[in-house]
Amino acid sequence: MLEAVGQFALEMRWMYLKPDEETDGHHNGGPVGGSKEKGRCVVVSHDWGAAIAIRLASEAGQLADRWIISNTIHVSISMKTSIRYMTQTIWAT
């Protein structure tokens, strides 16, 4: 899943963020002369998509210029809460 989302982000950059006049005109991983692409890539994510976006941003943050992550679970916090709840339930019985 993570690989598919990463590939999608690369394809969207290639389709919609056109290189400026100082580039070599190709999408070969970088412009010539240190110039930048026009436009910005912003990933907006919510709920379970945001859980995927958190991991993608941490492992391949260069795919987007900005990451907006909203209303998702934080995996380590939810695991700690689940373990605490299970422990309390076991000791209560």
Protein backbone atom coordinates (compact mmCIF):
# COMPACT_ATOMS: atom_id res chain seq x y z
CA MET A 1 0.00 0.00 0.00
CA LEU A 2 2.77 2.42 0.97
CA GLU A 3 4.59 1.76 -2.28
CA ALA A 4 1.44 2.43 -4.34
CA VAL A 5 0.78 5.75 -2.58
CA GLY A 6 4.40 6.80 -3.06
CA GLN A 7 4.23 5.96 -6.77
CA PHE A 8 0.97 7.92 -7.05
CA ALA A 9 2.61 10.98 -5.49
CA LEU A 10 5.51 10.76 -7.95
CA GLU A 11 3.12 10.46 -10.91
CA MET A 12 1.08 13.47 -9.76
CA ARG A 13 4.24 15.56 -9.41
CA TRP A 14 5.28 14.53 -12.92
CA MET A 15 1.86 15.32 -14.42
CA TYR A 16 1.04 18.61 -12.69
CA LEU A 17 4.26 20.26 -11.56
CA LYS A 18 5.90 21.35 -14.78
CA PRO A 19 9.59 22.25 -14.79
CA ASP A 20 10.52 25.88 -15.32
CA GLU A 21 12.47 27.34 -18.26
CA GLU A 22 15.88 26.63 -16.72
CA THR A 23 15.40 22.88 -16.61
CA ASP A 24 16.45 20.40 -19.23
CA GLY A 25 12.77 19.74 -20.00
CA HIS A 26 12.84 16.20 -18.67
CA HIS A 27 11.48 14.72 -15.47
CA ASN A 28 14.68 12.92 -14.62
CA GLY A 29 14.78 13.54 -10.90
CA GLY A 30 16.03 17.10 -10.93
CA PRO A 31 16.29 20.35 -12.81
CA VAL A 32 19.47 21.66 -14.41
CA GLY A 33 21.30 24.51 -12.69
CA GLY A 34 19.62 24.11 -9.30
CA SER A 35 16.29 25.66 -10.33
CA LYS A 36 13.08 24.35 -8.83
CA GLU A 37 9.77 23.03 -10.14
CA LYS A 38 6.91 25.49 -10.37
CA GLY A 39 4.11 24.85 -7.92
CA ARG A 40 3.99 22.82 -4.76
CA CYS A 41 2.81 19.35 -3.87
CA VAL A 42 0.63 19.22 -0.75
CA VAL A 43 -0.67 15.91 0.61
CA VAL A 44 -3.88 16.26 2.64
CA SER A 45 -4.91 13.15 4.54
CA HIS A 46 -7.63 12.17 6.99
CA ASP A 47 -8.61 9.18 9.13
CA TRP A 48 -6.99 5.90 7.96
CA GLY A 49 -5.43 7.67 4.97
CA ALA A 50 -3.67 9.88 7.49
CA ALA A 51 -2.22 6.81 9.19
CA ILE A 52 -0.67 5.86 5.84
CA ALA A 53 0.46 9.46 5.25
CA ILE A 54 2.26 9.58 8.61
CA ARG A 55 4.40 6.63 7.63
CA LEU A 56 4.95 7.90 4.09
CA ALA A 57 5.97 11.34 5.38
CA SER A 58 8.41 9.80 7.84
CA GLU A 59 10.00 7.50 5.26
CA ALA A 60 9.81 9.61 2.09
CA GLY A 61 9.10 13.17 3.16
CA GLN A 62 10.63 14.53 -0.05
CA LEU A 63 7.56 13.35 -2.02
CA ALA A 64 5.62 16.43 -0.95
CA ASP A 65 6.42 20.01 -0.05
CA ARG A 66 3.85 20.02 2.74
CA TRP A 67 1.98 17.28 4.64
CA ILE A 68 -1.41 17.96 6.25
CA ILE A 69 -2.40 15.04 8.47
CA SER A 70 -5.74 15.20 10.26
CA ASN A 71 -7.81 13.06 12.60
CA THR A 72 -5.95 9.79 12.78
CA ILE A 73 -4.74 7.37 15.39
CA HIS A 74 -1.24 7.59 16.73
CA VAL A 75 -0.10 3.99 16.59
CA SER A 76 2.22 3.93 19.60
CA ILE A 77 -0.30 5.75 21.81
CA SER A 78 -3.13 3.47 20.74
CA MET A 79 -0.97 0.38 21.42
CA LYS A 80 -0.12 1.63 24.92
CA THR A 81 -3.81 2.35 25.60
CA SER A 82 -4.84 -1.09 24.31
CA ILE A 83 -2.24 -2.87 26.44
CA ARG A 84 -3.27 -0.86 29.51
CA TYR A 85 -6.94 -1.67 28.91
CA MET A 86 -6.24 -5.39 28.40
CA THR A 87 -4.08 -5.50 31.55
CA GLN A 88 -6.78 -3.81 33.60
CA THR A 89 -9.42 -6.16 32.22
CA ILE A 90 -7.38 -9.27 33.02
CA TRP A 91 -6.65 -8.15 36.58
CA ALA A 92 -10.27 -7.12 37.15
CA THR A 93 -11.59 -10.63 36.47
